[in-house]
Amino acid sequence: MTIYKLKPHFQNKIWGGRKLETVFQYDIPAGPVGECWGISAHKNGESIIENGPFKGMTLSELWEQNKLEVFGEYPHESFPLLVKILDADSDLSVQVHPDNHEAKELEGEPFGKTECWYVLDAKPGAELIIGHNAKSKEELTTEIQKGNWKSLLRKRKVKKGDFIFIESGTLHAIGSGILLLEIQQSSDTTYRVYDFDRRDQNGHLRELHHEKAIRVTNTPDQFLEKKPESRRTDEAIISQMISTKEFSVWLYQVDGKVNLKTPDRFKLLSVTEGQGKVLSADGGNITELKKGDHYLVPRHSEEVVILGKVEFVVSGVE
């Protein structure tokens, strides 16, 4: 049994910093690097398999050529998920994402973007923007056109360990000083509503997308807090963070040993703290785990045994 380590893709962002280098020891490009696409088969930045019989292949090539063997039976033509780490050194734009139907209609893309965030670190007083106060599309349009951001947008404080579910159609923004793991549908479609009037490296204001944003924003706002469900063993706390039609996400906090099963469907694994090792069922195959690593656990991996003092997030499509 082999679990496949993935080489990330990095993206420079106007709001990014250098924490991906200092916190995770990634070898990142120069400048403000905002995103690590740790597990990606998206055309805008692919992960590469680093070990095993498929070493050197991109994740999309593996999906296309070995879908049933490695991943299982899925109706999707494209790999459905994208896992990122985001370093917000300054505020991200206020934005919104379409759902699947809107993404196909407006952009010709297979997926919209529902996402969730697990906060890895946050400066004291850090804030997110989640949701809005408009009661109708007309009111939303008026507030955006007038730039009444203070009265329109909803803010909330955030701290390390928080989990937030962002359904497509939700106005949102990550605030400065926040480091988080994001699990999302495999989409790079974003409609900017407000960008704090900042300019890019060429001195230009970044494009806004008011017409499309207003069209896809849920009005009235529908954001709801999701409460994780946890269970304890002698050596781990296992929390189901979310389960929706788009993805399911679990947080494993291990001090000792835990078993991970993938009987019918693949799983994605991202290490957020600590270190450990993975053993195959017969104990003959050992894979070292450390903070910042990302893995694909194929279907029918028998029983994967993980040892160590380690925290990791597992995601998949049910």
Protein backbone atom coordinates (compact mmCIF):
# COMPACT_ATOMS: atom_id res chain seq x y z
CA MET A 1 0.00 0.00 0.00
CA THR A 2 1.32 3.42 -0.97
CA ILE A 3 0.03 6.82 0.05
CA TYR A 4 1.10 9.50 -2.38
CA LYS A 5 2.91 12.63 -1.24
CA LEU A 6 2.06 15.71 -3.29
CA LYS A 7 4.37 18.57 -4.24
CA PRO A 8 2.47 21.86 -3.76
CA HIS A 9 2.06 24.76 -6.16
CA PHE A 10 2.55 28.30 -4.79
CA GLN A 11 0.89 31.54 -5.85
CA ASN A 12 2.01 35.10 -5.27
CA LYS A 13 -0.80 37.35 -4.04
CA ILE A 14 -0.96 41.07 -3.35
CA TRP A 15 -2.12 40.27 0.20
CA GLY A 16 0.36 37.43 0.87
CA GLY A 17 3.36 37.22 3.18
CA ARG A 18 6.21 34.82 4.01
CA LYS A 19 4.67 32.55 6.67
CA LEU A 20 4.50 29.61 4.26
CA GLU A 21 8.30 29.67 4.40
CA THR A 22 8.79 30.36 8.10
CA VAL A 23 5.98 28.20 9.52
CA PHE A 24 6.05 25.25 7.11
CA GLN A 25 9.60 25.48 5.70
CA TYR A 26 8.29 25.45 2.15
CA ASP A 27 10.67 26.53 -0.60
CA ILE A 28 8.54 29.37 -1.92
CA PRO A 29 9.11 32.00 -4.63
CA ALA A 30 10.29 35.52 -3.80
CA GLY A 31 7.76 38.18 -2.88
CA PRO A 32 4.35 38.03 -1.18
CA VAL A 33 3.26 34.38 -1.44
CA GLY A 34 -0.34 34.04 -0.34
CA GLU A 35 -1.34 30.52 -1.28
CA CYS A 36 0.01 27.00 -1.13
CA TRP A 37 -2.11 24.77 -3.36
CA GLY A 38 -1.23 21.62 -1.46
CA ILE A 39 -3.60 19.23 -3.22
CA SER A 40 -4.69 20.47 -6.63
CA ALA A 41 -5.64 19.11 -10.02
CA HIS A 42 -6.79 22.55 -11.19
CA LYS A 43 -5.36 23.95 -14.43
CA ASN A 44 -4.17 27.11 -12.64
CA GLY A 45 -1.77 25.20 -10.41
CA GLU A 46 -1.27 21.46 -10.16
CA SER A 47 0.22 19.19 -7.53
CA ILE A 48 2.76 16.58 -8.63
CA ILE A 49 3.05 13.05 -7.26
CA GLU A 50 6.41 12.71 -5.46
CA ASN A 51 6.61 8.97 -4.78
CA GLY A 52 5.38 5.52 -5.78
CA PRO A 53 4.53 4.09 -9.21
CA PHE A 54 2.96 7.35 -10.39
CA LYS A 55 5.90 9.59 -9.40
CA GLY A 56 6.17 12.65 -11.65
CA MET A 57 2.54 12.64 -12.78
CA THR A 58 0.28 15.57 -12.10
CA LEU A 59 -2.81 14.92 -10.00
CA SER A 60 -5.07 15.55 -13.01
CA GLU A 61 -3.11 12.99 -15.07
CA LEU A 62 -3.51 10.45 -12.28
CA TRP A 63 -7.25 11.19 -12.15
CA GLU A 64 -7.67 10.83 -15.90
CA GLN A 65 -5.55 7.70 -16.32
CA ASN A 66 -6.20 5.75 -13.10
CA LYS A 67 -9.51 7.11 -11.85
CA LEU A 68 -11.25 3.87 -10.88
CA GLU A 69 -8.14 2.19 -9.46
CA VAL A 70 -6.97 5.06 -7.26
CA PHE A 71 -10.05 7.20 -6.61
CA GLY A 72 -13.19 5.09 -7.05
CA GLU A 73 -16.37 5.68 -9.00
CA TYR A 74 -17.35 9.34 -9.35
CA PRO A 75 -19.70 11.18 -11.69
CA HIS A 76 -17.29 14.12 -11.96
CA GLU A 77 -15.17 14.54 -15.07
CA SER A 78 -12.66 16.61 -13.10
CA PHE A 79 -11.01 16.02 -9.72
CA PRO A 80 -13.51 17.58 -7.30
CA LEU A 81 -11.44 19.14 -4.48
CA LEU A 82 -8.69 21.68 -3.87
CA VAL A 83 -6.79 21.99 -0.57
CA LYS A 84 -4.84 25.18 0.18
CA ILE A 85 -2.96 26.94 2.94
CA LEU A 86 -3.51 30.71 2.90
CA ASP A 87 -1.26 33.33 4.51
CA ALA A 88 -3.14 36.62 4.74
CA ASP A 89 -0.51 39.25 5.59
CA SER A 90 -3.10 41.89 4.69
CA ASP A 91 -6.85 41.78 4.05
CA LEU A 92 -8.20 39.77 1.13
CA SER A 93 -10.83 41.39 -1.07
CA VAL A 94 -14.49 41.08 -0.16
CA GLN A 95 -15.68 38.41 -2.58
CA VAL A 96 -18.24 35.76 -3.42
CA HIS A 97 -18.22 32.51 -5.40
CA PRO A 98 -20.88 30.94 -7.64
CA ASP A 99 -22.51 27.54 -7.13
CA ASN A 100 -22.11 24.71 -9.65
CA HIS A 101 -25.01 25.81 -11.86
CA GLU A 102 -23.89 29.45 -11.93
CA ALA A 103 -20.25 28.51 -12.61
CA LYS A 104 -21.28 26.48 -15.65
CA GLU A 105 -23.64 29.17 -16.91
CA LEU A 106 -21.40 32.20 -16.31
CA GLU A 107 -17.89 30.77 -16.77
CA GLY A 108 -18.22 27.38 -18.47
CA GLU A 109 -16.47 25.81 -15.46
CA PRO A 110 -17.42 22.42 -13.95
CA PHE A 111 -17.53 23.53 -10.31
CA GLY A 112 -18.66 26.46 -8.25
CA LYS A 113 -16.91 27.10 -4.95
CA THR A 114 -18.17 26.05 -1.58
CA GLU A 115 -15.30 26.06 0.92
CA CYS A 116 -14.37 25.72 4.57
CA TRP A 117 -11.57 27.09 6.71
CA TYR A 118 -9.60 25.65 9.62
CA VAL A 119 -7.72 28.49 11.30
CA LEU A 120 -4.09 27.52 11.95
CA ASP A 121 -3.06 30.82 13.51
CA ALA A 122 -4.45 34.32 13.98
CA LYS A 123 -3.09 37.52 15.47
CA PRO A 124 -4.97 38.94 18.47
CA GLY A 125 -8.15 40.68 17.33
CA ALA A 126 -8.08 39.14 13.83
CA GLU A 127 -11.37 39.34 11.96
CA LEU A 128 -13.21 37.74 9.06
CA ILE A 129 -16.00 39.18 6.97
CA ILE A 130 -18.81 36.64 6.61
CA GLY A 131 -22.22 37.57 5.27
CA HIS A 132 -24.16 40.79 4.80
CA ASN A 133 -27.18 42.69 6.15
CA ALA A 134 -29.15 43.40 2.94
CA LYS A 135 -32.67 41.99 2.84
CA SER A 136 -33.11 42.07 -0.95
CA LYS A 137 -31.11 42.19 -4.18
CA GLU A 138 -32.20 45.81 -4.60
CA GLU A 139 -30.85 46.75 -1.19
CA LEU A 140 -27.65 44.77 -1.81
CA THR A 141 -27.14 46.56 -5.14
CA THR A 142 -27.71 49.98 -3.58
CA GLU A 143 -25.35 49.36 -0.67
CA ILE A 144 -22.58 48.12 -2.98
CA GLN A 145 -23.01 51.01 -5.43
CA LYS A 146 -22.85 53.53 -2.56
CA GLY A 147 -19.93 51.76 -0.91
CA ASN A 148 -21.73 51.41 2.40
CA TRP A 149 -19.39 48.64 3.52
CA LYS A 150 -19.60 49.29 7.26
CA SER A 151 -23.36 48.85 7.38
CA LEU A 152 -23.52 46.10 4.75
CA LEU A 153 -20.84 43.63 5.82
CA ARG A 154 -20.82 41.37 8.87
CA LYS A 155 -17.60 40.83 10.80
CA ARG A 156 -16.57 38.24 13.38
CA LYS A 157 -13.49 37.71 15.50
CA VAL A 158 -11.46 34.59 14.80
CA LYS A 159 -8.83 32.60 16.69
CA LYS A 160 -6.62 29.56 16.20
CA GLY A 161 -8.66 26.36 16.01
CA ASP A 162 -11.85 27.95 14.65
CA PHE A 163 -13.67 26.22 11.80
CA ILE A 164 -15.86 28.15 9.33
CA PHE A 165 -18.04 26.79 6.53
CA ILE A 166 -18.53 29.15 3.56
CA GLU A 167 -21.28 28.06 1.21
CA SER A 168 -21.23 29.37 -2.36
CA GLY A 169 -23.11 32.66 -2.54
CA THR A 170 -21.72 33.93 0.81
CA LEU A 171 -19.97 37.31 0.83
CA HIS A 172 -16.70 36.88 2.71
CA ALA A 173 -13.12 38.02 3.23
CA ILE A 174 -10.15 36.74 5.21
CA GLY A 175 -8.61 39.47 7.37
CA SER A 176 -4.95 40.26 7.90
CA GLY A 177 -2.90 38.18 10.30
CA ILE A 178 -4.73 34.90 9.61
CA LEU A 179 -3.16 31.63 8.52
CA LEU A 180 -5.61 28.91 7.55
CA LEU A 181 -6.17 25.62 5.78
CA GLU A 182 -8.89 25.78 3.14
CA ILE A 183 -10.78 22.81 1.69
CA GLN A 184 -12.89 23.76 -1.30
CA GLN A 185 -14.38 22.59 -4.54
CA SER A 186 -11.87 22.62 -7.39
CA SER A 187 -12.60 26.13 -8.61
CA ASP A 188 -10.67 29.36 -9.06
CA THR A 189 -13.70 31.54 -9.83
CA THR A 190 -13.92 34.62 -7.61
CA TYR A 191 -16.11 37.71 -7.97
CA ARG A 192 -14.60 40.70 -6.16
CA VAL A 193 -16.98 43.17 -4.57
CA TYR A 194 -14.57 45.48 -2.72
CA ASP A 195 -10.75 45.61 -2.66
CA PHE A 196 -10.04 48.51 -0.28
CA ASP A 197 -9.05 50.70 -3.27
CA ARG A 198 -5.54 49.22 -3.28
CA ARG A 199 -3.38 49.02 -6.37
CA ASP A 200 -1.34 46.18 -7.84
CA GLN A 201 2.40 46.33 -8.56
CA ASN A 202 1.69 48.23 -11.77
CA GLY A 203 -0.35 50.87 -9.96
CA HIS A 204 -3.72 49.63 -11.24
CA LEU A 205 -6.87 49.00 -9.26
CA ARG A 206 -7.83 45.34 -9.39
CA GLU A 207 -10.96 44.46 -11.35
CA LEU A 208 -14.29 44.28 -9.52
CA HIS A 209 -17.19 42.08 -10.63
CA HIS A 210 -20.28 43.74 -9.19
CA GLU A 211 -22.85 42.49 -11.68
CA LYS A 212 -21.91 38.82 -11.34
CA ALA A 213 -21.32 39.13 -7.60
CA ILE A 214 -24.78 40.58 -6.96
CA ARG A 215 -26.33 37.88 -9.11
CA VAL A 216 -24.76 34.97 -7.18
CA THR A 217 -24.86 36.39 -3.63
CA ASN A 218 -27.40 34.73 -1.34
CA THR A 219 -29.91 37.41 -0.38
CA PRO A 220 -30.96 37.50 2.42
CA ASP A 221 -27.73 36.10 3.82
CA GLN A 222 -27.81 32.40 4.74
CA PHE A 223 -24.58 31.93 6.72
CA LEU A 224 -24.90 29.51 9.65
CA GLU A 225 -22.31 28.35 12.16
CA LYS A 226 -21.48 24.65 11.87
CA LYS A 227 -20.55 22.79 15.05
CA PRO A 228 -18.03 19.94 14.78
CA GLU A 229 -18.88 16.55 16.28
CA SER A 230 -16.02 14.93 18.19
CA ARG A 231 -15.24 11.54 19.65
CA ARG A 232 -12.30 10.51 21.81
CA THR A 233 -10.19 7.41 21.92
CA ASP A 234 -7.32 6.76 24.33
CA GLU A 235 -4.88 8.23 21.82
CA ALA A 236 -6.82 10.64 19.58
CA ILE A 237 -9.61 13.15 19.23
CA ILE A 238 -11.44 12.74 15.93
CA SER A 239 -13.78 15.56 14.91
CA GLN A 240 -16.10 15.58 11.93
CA MET A 241 -15.95 19.25 11.01
CA ILE A 242 -18.47 19.24 8.16
CA SER A 243 -20.33 16.88 5.86
CA THR A 244 -22.06 18.32 2.79
CA LYS A 245 -22.76 17.22 -0.77
CA GLU A 246 -19.52 18.93 -1.83
CA PHE A 247 -17.11 17.38 0.71
CA SER A 248 -16.61 15.95 4.17
CA VAL A 249 -13.82 17.07 6.51
CA TRP A 250 -12.37 15.49 9.66
CA LEU A 251 -9.76 16.79 12.12
CA TYR A 252 -7.48 14.19 13.74
CA GLN A 253 -5.50 15.18 16.86
CA VAL A 254 -3.30 12.21 17.66
CA ASP A 255 -0.99 11.43 20.55
CA GLY A 256 -0.18 7.78 19.99
CA LYS A 257 -1.95 5.80 17.27
CA VAL A 258 -5.03 6.08 15.07
CA ASN A 259 -6.45 4.03 12.18
CA LEU A 260 -7.71 5.58 8.95
CA LYS A 261 -9.85 3.50 6.57
CA THR A 262 -10.62 4.18 2.89
CA PRO A 263 -12.80 1.25 1.80
CA ASP A 264 -14.47 2.77 -1.26
CA ARG A 265 -13.30 6.36 -1.71
CA PHE A 266 -9.99 8.18 -1.69
CA LYS A 267 -9.08 10.60 1.10
CA LEU A 268 -6.84 13.68 1.19
CA LEU A 269 -4.58 14.27 4.20
CA SER A 270 -2.88 17.53 5.21
CA VAL A 271 -0.58 17.69 8.25
CA THR A 272 -1.14 20.87 10.26
CA GLU A 273 0.95 20.24 13.39
CA GLY A 274 3.61 17.86 14.67
CA GLN A 275 5.09 14.80 13.04
CA GLY A 276 4.52 11.08 12.82
CA LYS A 277 4.58 8.11 10.49
CA VAL A 278 2.19 6.00 8.48
CA LEU A 279 2.34 2.20 8.58
CA SER A 280 0.71 -0.17 6.12
CA ALA A 281 -1.52 -2.90 7.53
CA ASP A 282 1.36 -5.40 7.52
CA GLY A 283 3.82 -2.85 8.95
CA GLY A 284 6.12 -3.20 5.99
CA ASN A 285 5.72 0.24 4.41
CA ILE A 286 6.58 3.34 6.47
CA THR A 287 5.94 6.95 5.40
CA GLU A 288 7.17 9.84 7.51
CA LEU A 289 4.71 12.69 8.15
CA LYS A 290 5.56 16.25 9.11
CA LYS A 291 3.83 19.61 9.36
CA GLY A 292 3.02 21.00 5.91
CA ASP A 293 2.89 17.63 4.12
CA HIS A 294 -0.03 16.78 1.84
CA TYR A 295 -1.04 13.26 0.80
CA LEU A 296 -3.47 11.34 -1.35
CA VAL A 297 -4.69 8.16 0.33
CA PRO A 298 -6.08 5.93 -2.44
CA ARG A 299 -9.21 3.83 -2.14
CA HIS A 300 -8.86 0.27 -0.83
CA SER A 301 -5.82 1.24 1.22
CA GLU A 302 -6.81 -1.42 3.76
CA GLU A 303 -6.14 0.03 7.19
CA VAL A 304 -3.73 2.95 7.41
CA VAL A 305 -2.10 3.22 10.85
CA ILE A 306 -0.77 6.66 11.83
CA LEU A 307 1.62 7.02 14.76
CA GLY A 308 3.00 10.08 16.51
CA LYS A 309 2.08 13.36 18.11
CA VAL A 310 0.49 14.87 15.06
CA GLU A 311 -2.55 16.84 13.89
CA PHE A 312 -3.93 16.41 10.40
CA VAL A 313 -7.03 17.22 8.39
CA VAL A 314 -8.68 14.58 6.22
CA SER A 315 -11.08 15.49 3.42
CA GLY A 316 -12.99 13.60 0.79
CA VAL A 317 -16.16 13.33 -1.26
CA GLU A 318 -18.77 10.91 0.03
